[in-house]
Amino acid sequence: MSWISSSHSNSLRRNSGVLRPGEVVLVLGAPGSGCTTFLKVIANERGTYANVTGDVRYAGISHSEMLKYYNGEVVYNEEGENHHLATRSDMIAHLPDR
């Protein structure tokens, strides 16, 4: 995958990597850094992007074939906005006994 374009901006250039079957991926970054864009593209959710260039393959299967025959095999779970702020004493109270 080399270039993703929405209607207004470009992001994610020169990325490469390998994910093996059954692996779970966590991508961390600052808001607006492209984490969601990256995860949506590797999960084959390309509909909101004007252009995606480069090659994303799933065990050798192209993204178009994956969408046609194996839709739902690769998923993106959007993060929730549930935040829980804990005090230090809250965290200590949940530590296992030693």
N, C-alpha and C. Protein backbone atom coordinates (compact mmCIF):
# COMPACT_ATOMS: atom_id res chain seq x y z
N MET A 1 0.86 -1.15 0.00
CA MET A 1 0.00 0.00 0.00
C MET A 1 0.90 1.21 0.00
N SER A 2 0.69 2.11 -0.93
CA SER A 2 1.58 3.24 -0.98
C SER A 2 0.89 4.58 -0.83
N TRP A 3 -0.37 4.68 -1.21
CA TRP A 3 -1.00 5.99 -1.19
C TRP A 3 -2.49 5.87 -1.03
N ILE A 4 -3.04 6.62 -0.10
CA ILE A 4 -4.47 6.62 0.13
C ILE A 4 -4.93 8.06 0.04
N SER A 5 -6.02 8.27 -0.64
CA SER A 5 -6.49 9.63 -0.82
C SER A 5 -7.97 9.72 -0.50
N SER A 6 -8.32 10.61 0.39
CA SER A 6 -9.73 10.93 0.58
C SER A 6 -10.00 12.14 -0.30
N SER A 7 -11.11 12.77 -0.15
CA SER A 7 -11.41 13.90 -1.02
C SER A 7 -10.51 15.10 -0.71
N HIS A 8 -9.83 15.11 0.43
CA HIS A 8 -9.09 16.30 0.82
C HIS A 8 -7.61 16.09 1.12
N SER A 9 -7.19 14.91 1.44
CA SER A 9 -5.80 14.77 1.88
C SER A 9 -5.20 13.42 1.47
N ASN A 10 -3.90 13.35 1.56
CA ASN A 10 -3.16 12.12 1.29
C ASN A 10 -2.55 11.64 2.60
N SER A 11 -2.47 10.34 2.76
CA SER A 11 -1.84 9.81 3.96
C SER A 11 -1.27 8.43 3.68
N LEU A 12 -0.47 7.96 4.60
CA LEU A 12 0.11 6.61 4.57
C LEU A 12 0.90 6.32 3.30
N ARG A 13 2.11 6.75 3.30
CA ARG A 13 2.99 6.48 2.17
C ARG A 13 4.07 5.48 2.57
N ARG A 14 4.44 4.63 1.64
CA ARG A 14 5.55 3.68 1.79
C ARG A 14 5.43 2.81 3.04
N ASN A 15 4.33 2.10 3.16
CA ASN A 15 4.14 1.16 4.25
C ASN A 15 4.25 -0.26 3.73
N SER A 16 4.81 -1.12 4.54
CA SER A 16 4.84 -2.53 4.17
C SER A 16 4.88 -3.35 5.45
N GLY A 17 4.44 -4.59 5.34
CA GLY A 17 4.46 -5.47 6.49
C GLY A 17 3.74 -6.76 6.20
N VAL A 18 3.81 -7.68 7.15
CA VAL A 18 3.17 -8.98 7.00
C VAL A 18 2.39 -9.28 8.28
N LEU A 19 1.15 -9.67 8.11
CA LEU A 19 0.33 -10.16 9.22
C LEU A 19 0.01 -11.61 8.94
N ARG A 20 0.23 -12.45 9.90
CA ARG A 20 -0.03 -13.88 9.72
C ARG A 20 -1.46 -14.21 10.14
N PRO A 21 -2.05 -15.27 9.57
CA PRO A 21 -3.42 -15.64 9.94
C PRO A 21 -3.58 -15.80 11.44
N GLY A 22 -4.67 -15.26 11.96
CA GLY A 22 -4.96 -15.36 13.37
C GLY A 22 -4.36 -14.27 14.23
N GLU A 23 -3.50 -13.45 13.67
CA GLU A 23 -2.90 -12.38 14.45
C GLU A 23 -3.89 -11.23 14.64
N VAL A 24 -3.77 -10.58 15.78
CA VAL A 24 -4.56 -9.40 16.08
C VAL A 24 -3.60 -8.22 16.03
N VAL A 25 -4.04 -7.12 15.45
CA VAL A 25 -3.17 -5.96 15.28
C VAL A 25 -3.70 -4.78 16.07
N LEU A 26 -2.83 -4.14 16.79
CA LEU A 26 -3.14 -2.90 17.49
C LEU A 26 -2.23 -1.84 16.91
N VAL A 27 -2.81 -0.75 16.46
CA VAL A 27 -2.04 0.35 15.91
C VAL A 27 -2.31 1.57 16.78
N LEU A 28 -1.25 2.17 17.30
CA LEU A 28 -1.39 3.33 18.16
C LEU A 28 -0.79 4.55 17.48
N GLY A 29 -1.42 5.68 17.67
CA GLY A 29 -0.90 6.93 17.13
C GLY A 29 -1.76 8.09 17.58
N ALA A 30 -1.23 9.27 17.40
CA ALA A 30 -1.96 10.48 17.76
C ALA A 30 -3.18 10.65 16.86
N PRO A 31 -4.21 11.33 17.34
CA PRO A 31 -5.37 11.60 16.49
C PRO A 31 -4.95 12.28 15.18
N GLY A 32 -5.49 11.77 14.09
CA GLY A 32 -5.17 12.34 12.78
C GLY A 32 -3.91 11.79 12.14
N SER A 33 -3.25 10.81 12.79
CA SER A 33 -1.99 10.30 12.26
C SER A 33 -2.16 9.21 11.22
N GLY A 34 -3.39 8.73 11.00
CA GLY A 34 -3.63 7.74 9.96
C GLY A 34 -3.86 6.33 10.44
N CYS A 35 -3.96 6.11 11.75
CA CYS A 35 -4.17 4.75 12.27
C CYS A 35 -5.46 4.14 11.75
N THR A 36 -6.55 4.87 11.83
CA THR A 36 -7.84 4.36 11.36
C THR A 36 -7.80 4.11 9.86
N THR A 37 -7.19 5.01 9.12
CA THR A 37 -7.07 4.83 7.67
C THR A 37 -6.31 3.54 7.36
N PHE A 38 -5.19 3.34 8.01
CA PHE A 38 -4.39 2.13 7.81
C PHE A 38 -5.20 0.88 8.11
N LEU A 39 -5.86 0.84 9.27
CA LEU A 39 -6.61 -0.34 9.66
C LEU A 39 -7.79 -0.61 8.73
N LYS A 40 -8.47 0.45 8.29
CA LYS A 40 -9.60 0.26 7.38
C LYS A 40 -9.12 -0.29 6.04
N VAL A 41 -7.99 0.16 5.55
CA VAL A 41 -7.49 -0.34 4.26
C VAL A 41 -7.06 -1.80 4.38
N ILE A 42 -6.35 -2.17 5.45
CA ILE A 42 -5.96 -3.57 5.55
C ILE A 42 -7.15 -4.47 5.85
N ALA A 43 -8.25 -3.90 6.37
CA ALA A 43 -9.49 -4.67 6.58
C ALA A 43 -10.37 -4.62 5.34
N ASN A 44 -9.87 -4.03 4.27
CA ASN A 44 -10.55 -3.96 2.98
C ASN A 44 -11.81 -3.10 3.02
N GLU A 45 -11.83 -2.10 3.88
CA GLU A 45 -12.92 -1.14 3.94
C GLU A 45 -12.47 0.12 3.20
N ARG A 46 -12.53 0.09 1.88
CA ARG A 46 -11.97 1.15 1.05
C ARG A 46 -12.99 2.14 0.52
N GLY A 47 -14.27 1.92 0.80
CA GLY A 47 -15.33 2.69 0.18
C GLY A 47 -15.29 4.19 0.40
N THR A 48 -14.74 4.64 1.51
CA THR A 48 -14.74 6.08 1.80
C THR A 48 -13.53 6.81 1.24
N TYR A 49 -12.62 6.08 0.58
CA TYR A 49 -11.41 6.71 0.06
C TYR A 49 -11.51 6.89 -1.44
N ALA A 50 -11.06 8.03 -1.91
CA ALA A 50 -11.11 8.35 -3.34
C ALA A 50 -10.17 7.45 -4.12
N ASN A 51 -9.03 7.09 -3.53
CA ASN A 51 -8.03 6.31 -4.25
C ASN A 51 -7.15 5.55 -3.27
N VAL A 52 -6.89 4.31 -3.57
CA VAL A 52 -5.91 3.51 -2.83
C VAL A 52 -5.01 2.88 -3.87
N THR A 53 -3.73 3.17 -3.79
CA THR A 53 -2.77 2.54 -4.71
C THR A 53 -1.86 1.63 -3.91
N GLY A 54 -1.20 0.75 -4.59
CA GLY A 54 -0.36 -0.22 -3.92
C GLY A 54 -1.06 -1.57 -3.91
N ASP A 55 -0.50 -2.50 -3.19
CA ASP A 55 -0.99 -3.87 -3.22
C ASP A 55 -1.21 -4.38 -1.81
N VAL A 56 -2.43 -4.74 -1.50
CA VAL A 56 -2.75 -5.40 -0.23
C VAL A 56 -3.25 -6.79 -0.59
N ARG A 57 -2.60 -7.81 -0.05
CA ARG A 57 -2.97 -9.20 -0.34
C ARG A 57 -3.23 -9.95 0.95
N TYR A 58 -4.13 -10.90 0.87
CA TYR A 58 -4.53 -11.72 2.01
C TYR A 58 -4.21 -13.16 1.65
N ALA A 59 -3.07 -13.66 2.16
CA ALA A 59 -2.59 -15.00 1.81
C ALA A 59 -2.54 -15.18 0.30
N GLY A 60 -2.10 -14.14 -0.40
CA GLY A 60 -1.98 -14.19 -1.85
C GLY A 60 -3.23 -13.78 -2.61
N ILE A 61 -4.32 -13.52 -1.90
CA ILE A 61 -5.60 -13.16 -2.54
C ILE A 61 -5.67 -11.64 -2.66
N SER A 62 -6.07 -11.16 -3.82
CA SER A 62 -6.17 -9.72 -4.04
C SER A 62 -7.31 -9.12 -3.22
N HIS A 63 -7.25 -7.81 -3.02
CA HIS A 63 -8.31 -7.16 -2.23
C HIS A 63 -9.67 -7.28 -2.90
N SER A 64 -9.73 -7.25 -4.22
CA SER A 64 -11.03 -7.36 -4.90
C SER A 64 -11.62 -8.77 -4.78
N GLU A 65 -10.78 -9.79 -4.89
CA GLU A 65 -11.24 -11.17 -4.71
C GLU A 65 -11.65 -11.43 -3.26
N MET A 66 -10.89 -10.86 -2.33
CA MET A 66 -11.22 -11.01 -0.91
C MET A 66 -12.59 -10.42 -0.60
N LEU A 67 -12.87 -9.25 -1.17
CA LEU A 67 -14.16 -8.61 -0.96
C LEU A 67 -15.30 -9.42 -1.56
N LYS A 68 -15.05 -10.00 -2.71
CA LYS A 68 -16.10 -10.74 -3.41
C LYS A 68 -16.41 -12.09 -2.75
N TYR A 69 -15.38 -12.84 -2.39
CA TYR A 69 -15.58 -14.22 -1.92
C TYR A 69 -15.43 -14.41 -0.41
N TYR A 70 -14.70 -13.54 0.25
CA TYR A 70 -14.38 -13.76 1.66
C TYR A 70 -14.72 -12.54 2.53
N ASN A 71 -15.72 -11.80 2.15
CA ASN A 71 -16.11 -10.61 2.90
C ASN A 71 -16.42 -10.99 4.34
N GLY A 72 -15.87 -10.27 5.28
CA GLY A 72 -16.08 -10.55 6.70
C GLY A 72 -14.99 -11.39 7.34
N GLU A 73 -14.05 -11.91 6.55
CA GLU A 73 -12.95 -12.70 7.11
C GLU A 73 -11.88 -11.81 7.75
N VAL A 74 -11.76 -10.60 7.27
CA VAL A 74 -10.84 -9.62 7.83
C VAL A 74 -11.72 -8.48 8.32
N VAL A 75 -11.63 -8.13 9.60
CA VAL A 75 -12.52 -7.12 10.14
C VAL A 75 -11.76 -6.02 10.85
N TYR A 76 -12.37 -4.87 10.83
CA TYR A 76 -11.89 -3.71 11.58
C TYR A 76 -12.92 -3.41 12.65
N ASN A 77 -12.51 -3.45 13.91
CA ASN A 77 -13.39 -3.10 15.03
C ASN A 77 -13.06 -1.69 15.45
N GLU A 78 -14.01 -0.81 15.18
CA GLU A 78 -13.80 0.60 15.51
C GLU A 78 -13.70 0.78 17.01
N GLU A 79 -12.80 1.67 17.41
CA GLU A 79 -12.63 1.92 18.83
C GLU A 79 -13.87 2.59 19.41
N GLY A 80 -14.13 2.29 20.64
CA GLY A 80 -15.24 2.95 21.32
C GLY A 80 -14.77 4.22 22.00
N GLU A 81 -15.67 5.01 22.40
CA GLU A 81 -15.32 6.24 23.09
C GLU A 81 -15.59 6.14 24.59
N ASN A 82 -15.52 4.93 25.12
CA ASN A 82 -15.74 4.74 26.56
C ASN A 82 -14.41 4.89 27.28
N HIS A 83 -14.29 5.94 28.04
CA HIS A 83 -13.06 6.18 28.78
C HIS A 83 -13.36 6.09 30.27
N HIS A 84 -12.49 5.44 30.98
CA HIS A 84 -12.64 5.33 32.43
C HIS A 84 -11.38 5.88 33.06
N LEU A 85 -11.52 6.93 33.82
CA LEU A 85 -10.39 7.50 34.53
C LEU A 85 -10.33 6.88 35.91
N ALA A 86 -9.17 6.37 36.26
CA ALA A 86 -9.01 5.72 37.55
C ALA A 86 -7.95 6.46 38.36
N THR A 87 -8.19 6.52 39.63
CA THR A 87 -7.19 7.09 40.52
C THR A 87 -6.16 6.01 40.85
N ARG A 88 -5.07 6.42 41.44
CA ARG A 88 -4.04 5.45 41.82
C ARG A 88 -4.61 4.43 42.81
N SER A 89 -5.42 4.89 43.74
CA SER A 89 -5.99 3.96 44.73
C SER A 89 -6.96 2.98 44.07
N ASP A 90 -7.68 3.43 43.00
CA ASP A 90 -8.55 2.51 42.26
C ASP A 90 -7.72 1.38 41.65
N MET A 91 -6.59 1.74 41.06
CA MET A 91 -5.74 0.74 40.41
C MET A 91 -5.12 -0.21 41.43
N ILE A 92 -4.66 0.33 42.54
CA ILE A 92 -4.05 -0.51 43.58
C ILE A 92 -5.08 -1.48 44.14
N ALA A 93 -6.32 -1.03 44.28
CA ALA A 93 -7.38 -1.89 44.83
C ALA A 93 -7.64 -3.10 43.92
N HIS A 94 -7.31 -3.00 42.62
CA HIS A 94 -7.58 -4.10 41.70
C HIS A 94 -6.35 -4.98 41.44
N LEU A 95 -5.24 -4.70 42.11
CA LEU A 95 -4.05 -5.54 41.95
C LEU A 95 -4.27 -6.87 42.65
N PRO A 96 -3.76 -7.96 42.06
CA PRO A 96 -3.91 -9.27 42.73
C PRO A 96 -3.08 -9.31 44.01
N ASP A 97 -3.51 -10.13 44.95
CA ASP A 97 -2.75 -10.30 46.18
C ASP A 97 -1.44 -10.98 45.86
N ARG A 98 -0.40 -10.59 46.55
CA ARG A 98 0.92 -11.20 46.28
C ARG A 98 1.24 -12.26 47.28
